[in-house]
Amino acid sequence: MRSPTRLDEPPRGRFRWPFAGSGRRTVEAWLLLLPSIVLFAAFTHVPFLRTFVDAFHSTPKGRRPSHFVGLDNWVDLAHDPIFWKALTNNTLYALGTIPLAVGLALAMALFVNGRIPGRAALRMAYFTPTVLPMIAVANIWLFFYTPDYGLFDQIGGLFGLAATNRLGDPSTALIAVMAVAVWKEAGFFMIFYLAALQQIPPDLREAAAIEGASRFTFFRRVTWPLLAPVTLFILVNAVINAFRTVDHIFMMTGGGPDNATNLLLFRLYELGFKFWDQAQASALTVVLIVVLASVALVQFVFAGRKVHYR
């Protein structure tokens, strides 16, 4: 007579995992993650390591192969005035676009989260710029900025204002492209804020109303602290977006006039694909990655202290 099968014993004739319990679940999890890990490493880590190695070598030209040059590429980059101009422009670009985009996104989310007529249409209108390709957005704003015939000058002409070449003036070109980025990104950030606002329990608002708290007090004491995790996520993405901008710069100004809108990623494009200087482009890529990693680390270390997750 066969002994009865134990409940925790796998049926006979079936494959038995060499690991049991938590060990088996760990193996299964790693096997499920393996395809994503391979693709992620193949398209991010391996290219970065290759770029890091190329940054220490010269650019191969014709039959002359590349050779090890040490830190010469970074020394040349440090003596490049256009690099410092692009770094300055990118810093101003980030300082100008990030607060405006995040603040506008929060304001729009608070507005469409209330009970107002046409709320669904307003949400769609705010989010529409996000789904448009940046190339299409650049062409739309080129029409807005065109001197004499553009939308802005047509409206300004009704009030007797003179035509202005906003993209051709070094003093206004960077501000003009910053406005395009804010218009494009605010709707994307609004979706995250709106989702977070809808997760706040209505009981908190009712309790605050019973205590006589004003709407501003409720926002400052309750809503804003609860939005801290989403705000940190949005800030990290906004910083990354600010330093990887190139599409509308390429379409609208080409980095001009007089490098007034030349940003780091556009300078990287010029070095790598316009001048075919692989070594300088690799060095600038490493600098850009280090800058982004440092800023993200600072955000998580300092801003993360004030973030409380429920």
C-alpha atoms as a PDB file:
ATOM      1  CA  MET A   1       0.000   0.000   0.000  1.00  0.00           C
ATOM      2  CA  ARG A   2       1.320   3.466  -0.987  1.00  0.00           C
ATOM      3  CA  SER A   3       1.757   5.960   1.778  1.00  0.00           C
ATOM      4  CA  PRO A   4      -0.458   9.042   1.475  1.00  0.00           C
ATOM      5  CA  THR A   5       1.103  12.056  -0.171  1.00  0.00           C
ATOM      6  CA  ARG A   6       2.005  14.921   2.147  1.00  0.00           C
ATOM      7  CA  LEU A   7       0.327  18.262   1.458  1.00  0.00           C
ATOM      8  CA  ASP A   8       3.641  20.130   1.163  1.00  0.00           C
ATOM      9  CA  GLU A   9       5.176  17.475  -1.139  1.00  0.00           C
ATOM     10  CA  PRO A  10       4.991  18.187  -4.901  1.00  0.00           C
ATOM     11  CA  PRO A  11       3.079  15.591  -6.972  1.00  0.00           C
ATOM     12  CA  ARG A  12       5.172  12.738  -8.248  1.00  0.00           C
ATOM     13  CA  GLY A  13       6.166  12.755 -11.911  1.00  0.00           C
ATOM     14  CA  ARG A  14       6.387  16.563 -12.113  1.00  0.00           C
ATOM     15  CA  PHE A  15       9.428  18.802 -12.276  1.00  0.00           C
ATOM     16  CA  ARG A  16      10.803  19.676  -8.866  1.00  0.00           C
ATOM     17  CA  TRP A  17      12.544  23.002  -8.320  1.00  0.00           C
ATOM     18  CA  PRO A  18      15.946  22.691  -6.731  1.00  0.00           C
ATOM     19  CA  PHE A  19      14.990  25.560  -4.416  1.00  0.00           C
ATOM     20  CA  ALA A  20      12.021  25.596  -2.097  1.00  0.00           C
ATOM     21  CA  GLY A  21      10.079  28.348  -0.417  1.00  0.00           C
ATOM     22  CA  SER A  22      11.546  31.820  -0.680  1.00  0.00           C
ATOM     23  CA  GLY A  23      14.528  30.524  -2.677  1.00  0.00           C
ATOM     24  CA  ARG A  24      12.231  29.249  -5.413  1.00  0.00           C
ATOM     25  CA  ARG A  25      10.397  32.567  -5.573  1.00  0.00           C
ATOM     26  CA  THR A  26      13.721  34.403  -5.838  1.00  0.00           C
ATOM     27  CA  VAL A  27      14.811  32.271  -8.804  1.00  0.00           C
ATOM     28  CA  GLU A  28      11.465  32.765 -10.515  1.00  0.00           C
ATOM     29  CA  ALA A  29      11.681  36.519 -10.009  1.00  0.00           C
ATOM     30  CA  TRP A  30      15.185  36.714 -11.474  1.00  0.00           C
ATOM     31  CA  LEU A  31      14.170  34.592 -14.467  1.00  0.00           C
ATOM     32  CA  LEU A  32      11.234  36.912 -15.150  1.00  0.00           C
ATOM     33  CA  LEU A  33      13.498  39.954 -14.870  1.00  0.00           C
ATOM     34  CA  LEU A  34      16.302  38.466 -16.961  1.00  0.00           C
ATOM     35  CA  PRO A  35      15.061  39.620 -20.421  1.00  0.00           C
ATOM     36  CA  SER A  36      14.587  43.190 -19.192  1.00  0.00           C
ATOM     37  CA  ILE A  37      17.954  43.185 -17.438  1.00  0.00           C
ATOM     38  CA  VAL A  38      19.714  41.979 -20.600  1.00  0.00           C
ATOM     39  CA  LEU A  39      18.054  44.626 -22.773  1.00  0.00           C
ATOM     40  CA  PHE A  40      18.635  47.347 -20.183  1.00  0.00           C
ATOM     41  CA  ALA A  41      22.316  46.491 -19.884  1.00  0.00           C
ATOM     42  CA  ALA A  42      22.784  46.132 -23.647  1.00  0.00           C
ATOM     43  CA  PHE A  43      21.339  49.561 -24.435  1.00  0.00           C
ATOM     44  CA  THR A  44      22.449  51.585 -21.386  1.00  0.00           C
ATOM     45  CA  HIS A  45      25.318  50.168 -19.342  1.00  0.00           C
ATOM     46  CA  VAL A  46      27.364  48.677 -22.187  1.00  0.00           C
ATOM     47  CA  PRO A  47      27.186  51.850 -24.336  1.00  0.00           C
ATOM     48  CA  PHE A  48      28.103  53.987 -21.327  1.00  0.00           C
ATOM     49  CA  LEU A  49      31.120  51.817 -20.542  1.00  0.00           C
ATOM     50  CA  ARG A  50      32.159  52.003 -24.189  1.00  0.00           C
ATOM     51  CA  THR A  51      31.734  55.786 -24.182  1.00  0.00           C
ATOM     52  CA  PHE A  52      33.733  56.045 -20.960  1.00  0.00           C
ATOM     53  CA  VAL A  53      36.588  54.105 -22.562  1.00  0.00           C
ATOM     54  CA  ASP A  54      36.430  56.214 -25.746  1.00  0.00           C
ATOM     55  CA  ALA A  55      36.725  59.381 -23.653  1.00  0.00           C
ATOM     56  CA  PHE A  56      40.314  58.366 -22.807  1.00  0.00           C
ATOM     57  CA  HIS A  57      41.260  57.773 -26.447  1.00  0.00           C
ATOM     58  CA  SER A  58      41.709  59.971 -29.497  1.00  0.00           C
ATOM     59  CA  THR A  59      39.318  60.018 -32.457  1.00  0.00           C
ATOM     60  CA  PRO A  60      40.249  57.468 -35.150  1.00  0.00           C
ATOM     61  CA  LYS A  61      40.758  59.115 -38.548  1.00  0.00           C
ATOM     62  CA  GLY A  62      41.265  57.142 -41.721  1.00  0.00           C
ATOM     63  CA  ARG A  63      44.021  54.622 -41.283  1.00  0.00           C
ATOM     64  CA  ARG A  64      45.144  56.205 -38.034  1.00  0.00           C
ATOM     65  CA  PRO A  65      43.597  54.216 -35.171  1.00  0.00           C
ATOM     66  CA  SER A  66      42.704  55.748 -31.855  1.00  0.00           C
ATOM     67  CA  HIS A  67      45.262  55.757 -29.084  1.00  0.00           C
ATOM     68  CA  PHE A  68      45.219  56.387 -25.361  1.00  0.00           C
ATOM     69  CA  VAL A  69      45.433  60.101 -24.498  1.00  0.00           C
ATOM     70  CA  GLY A  70      44.468  60.087 -20.825  1.00  0.00           C
ATOM     71  CA  LEU A  71      42.693  63.233 -19.664  1.00  0.00           C
ATOM     72  CA  ASP A  72      43.525  65.295 -22.761  1.00  0.00           C
ATOM     73  CA  ASN A  73      39.937  65.224 -24.017  1.00  0.00           C
ATOM     74  CA  TRP A  74      38.643  66.705 -20.781  1.00  0.00           C
ATOM     75  CA  VAL A  75      41.422  69.313 -20.783  1.00  0.00           C
ATOM     76  CA  ASP A  76      40.456  70.346 -24.316  1.00  0.00           C
ATOM     77  CA  LEU A  77      36.816  70.424 -23.285  1.00  0.00           C
ATOM     78  CA  ALA A  78      37.641  72.670 -20.332  1.00  0.00           C
ATOM     79  CA  HIS A  79      39.356  75.129 -22.715  1.00  0.00           C
ATOM     80  CA  ASP A  80      36.406  75.171 -25.112  1.00  0.00           C
ATOM     81  CA  PRO A  81      34.462  78.452 -24.670  1.00  0.00           C
ATOM     82  CA  ILE A  82      31.426  77.035 -26.466  1.00  0.00           C
ATOM     83  CA  PHE A  83      31.213  74.235 -23.883  1.00  0.00           C
ATOM     84  CA  TRP A  84      31.088  76.760 -21.040  1.00  0.00           C
ATOM     85  CA  LYS A  85      28.536  78.794 -22.976  1.00  0.00           C
ATOM     86  CA  ALA A  86      26.378  75.693 -23.446  1.00  0.00           C
ATOM     87  CA  LEU A  87      26.740  74.778 -19.756  1.00  0.00           C
ATOM     88  CA  THR A  88      25.693  78.285 -18.712  1.00  0.00           C
ATOM     89  CA  ASN A  89      22.754  78.255 -21.113  1.00  0.00           C
ATOM     90  CA  ASN A  90      21.659  74.832 -19.879  1.00  0.00           C
ATOM     91  CA  THR A  91      21.837  75.945 -16.246  1.00  0.00           C
ATOM     92  CA  LEU A  92      19.699  79.002 -16.999  1.00  0.00           C
ATOM     93  CA  TYR A  93      17.380  76.823 -19.058  1.00  0.00           C
ATOM     94  CA  ALA A  94      16.909  74.408 -16.147  1.00  0.00           C
ATOM     95  CA  LEU A  95      16.440  77.169 -13.569  1.00  0.00           C
ATOM     96  CA  GLY A  96      13.843  78.822 -15.789  1.00  0.00           C
ATOM     97  CA  THR A  97      11.833  75.842 -17.028  1.00  0.00           C
ATOM     98  CA  ILE A  98      11.705  73.525 -14.018  1.00  0.00           C
ATOM     99  CA  PRO A  99       9.989  75.851 -11.486  1.00  0.00           C
ATOM    100  CA  LEU A 100       7.590  77.194 -14.123  1.00  0.00           C
ATOM    101  CA  ALA A 101       6.633  73.776 -15.492  1.00  0.00           C
ATOM    102  CA  VAL A 102       6.180  72.198 -12.050  1.00  0.00           C
ATOM    103  CA  GLY A 103       4.300  75.184 -10.632  1.00  0.00           C
ATOM    104  CA  LEU A 104       2.023  75.430 -13.666  1.00  0.00           C
ATOM    105  CA  ALA A 105       1.390  71.671 -13.547  1.00  0.00           C
ATOM    106  CA  LEU A 106       0.366  71.869  -9.878  1.00  0.00           C
ATOM    107  CA  ALA A 107      -1.912  74.849 -10.531  1.00  0.00           C
ATOM    108  CA  MET A 108      -3.616  73.102 -13.449  1.00  0.00           C
ATOM    109  CA  ALA A 109      -4.043  69.896 -11.449  1.00  0.00           C
ATOM    110  CA  LEU A 110      -5.632  71.757  -8.538  1.00  0.00           C
ATOM    111  CA  PHE A 111      -7.948  73.576 -10.946  1.00  0.00           C
ATOM    112  CA  VAL A 112      -9.207  70.553 -12.898  1.00  0.00           C
ATOM    113  CA  ASN A 113      -9.461  68.447  -9.732  1.00  0.00           C
ATOM    114  CA  GLY A 114     -12.338  70.608  -8.511  1.00  0.00           C
ATOM    115  CA  ARG A 115     -15.954  70.353  -9.514  1.00  0.00           C
ATOM    116  CA  ILE A 116     -16.069  72.726 -12.473  1.00  0.00           C
ATOM    117  CA  PRO A 117     -18.058  72.594 -15.739  1.00  0.00           C
ATOM    118  CA  GLY A 118     -16.176  71.005 -18.629  1.00  0.00           C
ATOM    119  CA  ARG A 119     -13.596  69.397 -16.361  1.00  0.00           C
ATOM    120  CA  ALA A 120     -12.927  66.495 -18.747  1.00  0.00           C
ATOM    121  CA  ALA A 121     -12.424  68.838 -21.716  1.00  0.00           C
ATOM    122  CA  LEU A 122     -10.025  71.000 -19.711  1.00  0.00           C
ATOM    123  CA  ARG A 123      -7.972  67.978 -18.670  1.00  0.00           C
ATOM    124  CA  MET A 124      -7.716  66.875 -22.271  1.00  0.00           C
ATOM    125  CA  ALA A 125      -6.744  70.374 -23.393  1.00  0.00           C
ATOM    126  CA  TYR A 126      -4.004  70.640 -20.773  1.00  0.00           C
ATOM    127  CA  PHE A 127      -2.632  67.205 -21.662  1.00  0.00           C
ATOM    128  CA  THR A 128      -2.766  67.630 -25.464  1.00  0.00           C
ATOM    129  CA  PRO A 129       0.696  69.266 -25.848  1.00  0.00           C
ATOM    130  CA  THR A 130       2.248  66.239 -24.162  1.00  0.00           C
ATOM    131  CA  VAL A 131       1.132  63.792 -26.864  1.00  0.00           C
ATOM    132  CA  LEU A 132       2.464  65.974 -29.672  1.00  0.00           C
ATOM    133  CA  PRO A 133       5.987  65.190 -30.958  1.00  0.00           C
ATOM    134  CA  MET A 134       8.540  67.840 -30.036  1.00  0.00           C
ATOM    135  CA  ILE A 135       9.268  68.408 -33.726  1.00  0.00           C
ATOM    136  CA  ALA A 136       5.607  69.243 -34.329  1.00  0.00           C
ATOM    137  CA  VAL A 137       5.571  71.525 -31.285  1.00  0.00           C
ATOM    138  CA  ALA A 138       8.664  73.340 -32.569  1.00  0.00           C
ATOM    139  CA  ASN A 139       7.015  73.963 -35.925  1.00  0.00           C
ATOM    140  CA  ILE A 140       3.857  75.276 -34.258  1.00  0.00           C
ATOM    141  CA  TRP A 141       5.857  77.733 -32.153  1.00  0.00           C
ATOM    142  CA  LEU A 142       7.934  78.752 -35.164  1.00  0.00           C
ATOM    143  CA  PHE A 143       4.670  80.007 -36.626  1.00  0.00           C
ATOM    144  CA  PHE A 144       3.948  81.854 -33.385  1.00  0.00           C
ATOM    145  CA  TYR A 145       7.398  83.502 -33.357  1.00  0.00           C
ATOM    146  CA  THR A 146       7.689  84.388 -37.062  1.00  0.00           C
ATOM    147  CA  PRO A 147       8.303  88.169 -37.340  1.00  0.00           C
ATOM    148  CA  ASP A 148       5.467  90.175 -38.927  1.00  0.00           C
ATOM    149  CA  TYR A 149       3.410  87.112 -39.912  1.00  0.00           C
ATOM    150  CA  GLY A 150       3.500  85.125 -36.684  1.00  0.00           C
ATOM    151  CA  LEU A 151       0.603  84.877 -34.250  1.00  0.00           C
ATOM    152  CA  PHE A 152       2.322  86.935 -31.545  1.00  0.00           C
ATOM    153  CA  ASP A 153       3.168  89.798 -33.887  1.00  0.00           C
ATOM    154  CA  GLN A 154      -0.295  89.692 -35.427  1.00  0.00           C
ATOM    155  CA  ILE A 155      -1.846  90.114 -31.986  1.00  0.00           C
ATOM    156  CA  GLY A 156       0.747  92.718 -30.996  1.00  0.00           C
ATOM    157  CA  GLY A 157       0.017  94.661 -34.185  1.00  0.00           C
ATOM    158  CA  LEU A 158      -3.560  95.149 -33.036  1.00  0.00           C
ATOM    159  CA  PHE A 159      -2.180  97.135 -30.096  1.00  0.00           C
ATOM    160  CA  GLY A 160       0.369  99.034 -32.160  1.00  0.00           C
ATOM    161  CA  LEU A 161       3.401  96.983 -31.081  1.00  0.00           C
ATOM    162  CA  ALA A 162       6.332  96.607 -33.468  1.00  0.00           C
ATOM    163  CA  ALA A 163       7.370  93.244 -34.910  1.00  0.00           C
ATOM    164  CA  THR A 164       9.989  91.348 -32.918  1.00  0.00           C
ATOM    165  CA  ASN A 165      12.408  88.623 -34.013  1.00  0.00           C
ATOM    166  CA  ARG A 166      12.381  86.705 -30.768  1.00  0.00           C
ATOM    167  CA  LEU A 167      14.421  83.747 -32.039  1.00  0.00           C
ATOM    168  CA  GLY A 168      16.935  85.969 -33.837  1.00  0.00           C
ATOM    169  CA  ASP A 169      17.786  88.151 -30.846  1.00  0.00           C
ATOM    170  CA  PRO A 170      20.420  86.689 -28.462  1.00  0.00           C
ATOM    171  CA  SER A 171      18.724  88.379 -25.508  1.00  0.00           C
ATOM    172  CA  THR A 172      15.328  86.706 -26.114  1.00  0.00           C
ATOM    173  CA  ALA A 173      16.123  83.474 -27.996  1.00  0.00           C
ATOM    174  CA  LEU A 174      16.746  81.343 -24.897  1.00  0.00           C
ATOM    175  CA  ILE A 175      13.593  82.645 -23.206  1.00  0.00           C
ATOM    176  CA  ALA A 176      11.612  81.839 -26.349  1.00  0.00           C
ATOM    177  CA  VAL A 177      12.710  78.194 -26.441  1.00  0.00           C
ATOM    178  CA  MET A 178      12.164  77.914 -22.683  1.00  0.00           C
ATOM    179  CA  ALA A 179       8.530  78.893 -23.168  1.00  0.00           C
ATOM    180  CA  VAL A 180       8.121  76.026 -25.642  1.00  0.00           C
ATOM    181  CA  ALA A 181       9.483  73.501 -23.134  1.00  0.00           C
ATOM    182  CA  VAL A 182       7.212  74.744 -20.338  1.00  0.00           C
ATOM    183  CA  TRP A 183       4.167  74.556 -22.612  1.00  0.00           C
ATOM    184  CA  LYS A 184       5.092  71.007 -23.645  1.00  0.00           C
ATOM    185  CA  GLU A 185       5.960  69.543 -20.224  1.00  0.00           C
ATOM    186  CA  ALA A 186       3.448  71.158 -17.846  1.00  0.00           C
ATOM    187  CA  GLY A 187       0.585  68.942 -19.028  1.00  0.00           C
ATOM    188  CA  PHE A 188       2.682  65.804 -18.554  1.00  0.00           C
ATOM    189  CA  PHE A 189       3.532  66.707 -14.953  1.00  0.00           C
ATOM    190  CA  MET A 190      -0.084  67.685 -14.326  1.00  0.00           C
ATOM    191  CA  ILE A 191      -1.204  64.079 -14.815  1.00  0.00           C
ATOM    192  CA  PHE A 192       0.967  62.898 -11.917  1.00  0.00           C
ATOM    193  CA  TYR A 193      -0.255  65.661  -9.628  1.00  0.00           C
ATOM    194  CA  LEU A 194      -3.862  64.996 -10.590  1.00  0.00           C
ATOM    195  CA  ALA A 195      -3.508  61.297  -9.838  1.00  0.00           C
ATOM    196  CA  ALA A 196      -1.947  62.117  -6.459  1.00  0.00           C
ATOM    197  CA  LEU A 197      -4.682  64.620  -5.590  1.00  0.00           C
ATOM    198  CA  GLN A 198      -7.362  62.036  -6.278  1.00  0.00           C
ATOM    199  CA  GLN A 199      -5.707  59.677  -3.788  1.00  0.00           C
ATOM    200  CA  ILE A 200      -6.078  62.120  -0.882  1.00  0.00           C
ATOM    201  CA  PRO A 201      -8.956  60.927   1.355  1.00  0.00           C
ATOM    202  CA  PRO A 202     -11.903  63.373   1.375  1.00  0.00           C
ATOM    203  CA  ASP A 203     -12.217  62.816   5.122  1.00  0.00           C
ATOM    204  CA  LEU A 204      -9.168  65.026   5.645  1.00  0.00           C
ATOM    205  CA  ARG A 205     -10.852  67.967   3.929  1.00  0.00           C
ATOM    206  CA  GLU A 206     -14.026  67.449   5.911  1.00  0.00           C
ATOM    207  CA  ALA A 207     -12.077  67.339   9.175  1.00  0.00           C
ATOM    208  CA  ALA A 208     -10.186  70.493   8.218  1.00  0.00           C
ATOM    209  CA  ALA A 209     -13.452  72.269   7.387  1.00  0.00           C
ATOM    210  CA  ILE A 210     -14.881  71.320  10.779  1.00  0.00           C
ATOM    211  CA  GLU A 211     -11.780  72.769  12.453  1.00  0.00           C
ATOM    212  CA  GLY A 212     -12.234  75.986  10.479  1.00  0.00           C
ATOM    213  CA  ALA A 213      -9.052  75.685   8.403  1.00  0.00           C
ATOM    214  CA  SER A 214      -8.916  77.810   5.265  1.00  0.00           C
ATOM    215  CA  ARG A 215      -8.219  76.350   1.820  1.00  0.00           C
ATOM    216  CA  PHE A 216      -4.704  77.756   1.851  1.00  0.00           C
ATOM    217  CA  THR A 217      -4.009  76.269   5.296  1.00  0.00           C
ATOM    218  CA  PHE A 218      -5.339  72.909   4.172  1.00  0.00           C
ATOM    219  CA  PHE A 219      -3.100  73.008   1.091  1.00  0.00           C
ATOM    220  CA  ARG A 220      -0.033  74.036   3.087  1.00  0.00           C
ATOM    221  CA  ARG A 221      -0.542  71.639   5.990  1.00  0.00           C
ATOM    222  CA  VAL A 222      -2.152  68.629   4.302  1.00  0.00           C
ATOM    223  CA  THR A 223      -2.138  68.626   0.499  1.00  0.00           C
ATOM    224  CA  TRP A 224       1.423  69.779  -0.143  1.00  0.00           C
ATOM    225  CA  PRO A 225       3.067  67.309   2.315  1.00  0.00           C
ATOM    226  CA  LEU A 226       1.062  64.451   0.813  1.00  0.00           C
ATOM    227  CA  LEU A 227       2.227  65.497  -2.670  1.00  0.00           C
ATOM    228  CA  ALA A 228       5.894  65.396  -1.664  1.00  0.00           C
ATOM    229  CA  PRO A 229       6.663  61.934  -3.148  1.00  0.00           C
ATOM    230  CA  VAL A 230       5.120  62.916  -6.480  1.00  0.00           C
ATOM    231  CA  THR A 231       6.920  66.256  -6.416  1.00  0.00           C
ATOM    232  CA  LEU A 232      10.264  64.537  -5.915  1.00  0.00           C
ATOM    233  CA  PHE A 233       9.554  62.192  -8.828  1.00  0.00           C
ATOM    234  CA  ILE A 234       8.530  65.120 -11.046  1.00  0.00           C
ATOM    235  CA  LEU A 235      11.591  67.173 -10.100  1.00  0.00           C
ATOM    236  CA  VAL A 236      13.958  64.337 -11.003  1.00  0.00           C
ATOM    237  CA  ASN A 237      12.264  63.924 -14.386  1.00  0.00           C
ATOM    238  CA  ALA A 238      12.194  67.691 -14.960  1.00  0.00           C
ATOM    239  CA  VAL A 239      15.945  67.963 -14.340  1.00  0.00           C
ATOM    240  CA  ILE A 240      16.643  65.109 -16.741  1.00  0.00           C
ATOM    241  CA  ASN A 241      14.402  66.680 -19.387  1.00  0.00           C
ATOM    242  CA  ALA A 242      16.102  70.052 -18.965  1.00  0.00           C
ATOM    243  CA  PHE A 243      19.541  68.585 -19.700  1.00  0.00           C
ATOM    244  CA  ARG A 244      18.526  66.297 -22.552  1.00  0.00           C
ATOM    245  CA  THR A 245      16.712  68.897 -24.642  1.00  0.00           C
ATOM    246  CA  VAL A 246      17.740  68.996 -28.281  1.00  0.00           C
ATOM    247  CA  ASP A 247      14.717  68.523 -30.569  1.00  0.00           C
ATOM    248  CA  HIS A 248      13.210  72.001 -30.620  1.00  0.00           C
ATOM    249  CA  ILE A 249      16.654  73.627 -30.392  1.00  0.00           C
ATOM    250  CA  PHE A 250      17.610  71.809 -33.584  1.00  0.00           C
ATOM    251  CA  MET A 251      14.404  72.858 -35.358  1.00  0.00           C
ATOM    252  CA  MET A 252      14.003  76.424 -34.103  1.00  0.00           C
ATOM    253  CA  THR A 253      17.434  77.996 -33.647  1.00  0.00           C
ATOM    254  CA  GLY A 254      20.212  75.514 -34.409  1.00  0.00           C
ATOM    255  CA  GLY A 255      21.947  76.679 -31.244  1.00  0.00           C
ATOM    256  CA  GLY A 256      22.040  80.290 -32.371  1.00  0.00           C
ATOM    257  CA  PRO A 257      22.096  83.169 -32.620  1.00  0.00           C
ATOM    258  CA  ASP A 258      25.748  83.360 -31.551  1.00  0.00           C
ATOM    259  CA  ASN A 259      25.329  80.184 -29.432  1.00  0.00           C
ATOM    260  CA  ALA A 260      22.658  81.884 -27.344  1.00  0.00           C
ATOM    261  CA  THR A 261      20.547  78.691 -27.301  1.00  0.00           C
ATOM    262  CA  ASN A 262      23.344  76.146 -27.514  1.00  0.00           C
ATOM    263  CA  LEU A 263      22.719  73.547 -24.798  1.00  0.00           C
ATOM    264  CA  LEU A 264      24.874  70.625 -23.666  1.00  0.00           C
ATOM    265  CA  LEU A 265      23.085  67.941 -25.631  1.00  0.00           C
ATOM    266  CA  PHE A 266      23.056  70.073 -28.777  1.00  0.00           C
ATOM    267  CA  ARG A 267      26.772  70.712 -28.316  1.00  0.00           C
ATOM    268  CA  LEU A 268      27.199  66.952 -27.993  1.00  0.00           C
ATOM    269  CA  TYR A 269      25.366  66.518 -31.293  1.00  0.00           C
ATOM    270  CA  GLU A 270      27.640  69.084 -32.946  1.00  0.00           C
ATOM    271  CA  LEU A 271      30.813  67.412 -31.714  1.00  0.00           C
ATOM    272  CA  GLY A 272      29.730  63.874 -32.520  1.00  0.00           C
ATOM    273  CA  PHE A 273      27.795  64.204 -35.763  1.00  0.00           C
ATOM    274  CA  LYS A 274      28.735  67.572 -37.242  1.00  0.00           C
ATOM    275  CA  PHE A 275      32.478  67.691 -36.538  1.00  0.00           C
ATOM    276  CA  TRP A 276      32.920  63.882 -36.145  1.00  0.00           C
ATOM    277  CA  ASP A 277      35.014  64.358 -33.021  1.00  0.00           C
ATOM    278  CA  GLN A 278      34.222  61.104 -31.256  1.00  0.00           C
ATOM    279  CA  ALA A 279      36.661  61.673 -28.416  1.00  0.00           C
ATOM    280  CA  GLN A 280      35.311  65.100 -27.446  1.00  0.00           C
ATOM    281  CA  ALA A 281      31.726  63.863 -27.766  1.00  0.00           C
ATOM    282  CA  SER A 282      32.493  60.928 -25.478  1.00  0.00           C
ATOM    283  CA  ALA A 283      34.097  63.214 -22.896  1.00  0.00           C
ATOM    284  CA  LEU A 284      31.088  65.542 -22.975  1.00  0.00           C
ATOM    285  CA  THR A 285      28.741  62.549 -22.625  1.00  0.00           C
ATOM    286  CA  VAL A 286      30.527  61.472 -19.456  1.00  0.00           C
ATOM    287  CA  VAL A 287      30.343  65.030 -18.101  1.00  0.00           C
ATOM    288  CA  LEU A 288      26.617  65.184 -18.846  1.00  0.00           C
ATOM    289  CA  ILE A 289      25.939  61.849 -17.145  1.00  0.00           C
ATOM    290  CA  VAL A 290      27.959  62.863 -14.091  1.00  0.00           C
ATOM    291  CA  VAL A 291      26.053  66.169 -13.847  1.00  0.00           C
ATOM    292  CA  LEU A 292      22.670  64.434 -14.061  1.00  0.00           C
ATOM    293  CA  ALA A 293      23.651  61.726 -11.575  1.00  0.00           C
ATOM    294  CA  SER A 294      24.980  64.320  -9.115  1.00  0.00           C
ATOM    295  CA  VAL A 295      21.848  66.461  -9.312  1.00  0.00           C
ATOM    296  CA  ALA A 296      19.589  63.415  -8.908  1.00  0.00           C
ATOM    297  CA  LEU A 297      21.627  62.227  -5.922  1.00  0.00           C
ATOM    298  CA  VAL A 298      21.384  65.629  -4.258  1.00  0.00           C
ATOM    299  CA  GLN A 299      17.633  65.650  -4.828  1.00  0.00           C
ATOM    300  CA  PHE A 300      17.135  62.214  -3.284  1.00  0.00           C
ATOM    301  CA  VAL A 301      19.443  62.900  -0.328  1.00  0.00           C
ATOM    302  CA  PHE A 302      18.214  66.359   0.671  1.00  0.00           C
ATOM    303  CA  ALA A 303      14.684  66.538  -0.735  1.00  0.00           C
ATOM    304  CA  GLY A 304      14.030  62.913   0.183  1.00  0.00           C
ATOM    305  CA  ARG A 305      14.359  63.734   3.877  1.00  0.00           C
ATOM    306  CA  LYS A 306      11.134  65.724   3.715  1.00  0.00           C
ATOM    307  CA  VAL A 307       9.254  63.099   1.738  1.00  0.00           C
ATOM    308  CA  HIS A 308       6.909  60.847   3.662  1.00  0.00           C
ATOM    309  CA  TYR A 309       5.349  57.824   1.978  1.00  0.00           C
ATOM    310  CA  ARG A 310       2.024  56.465   3.111  1.00  0.00           C
END
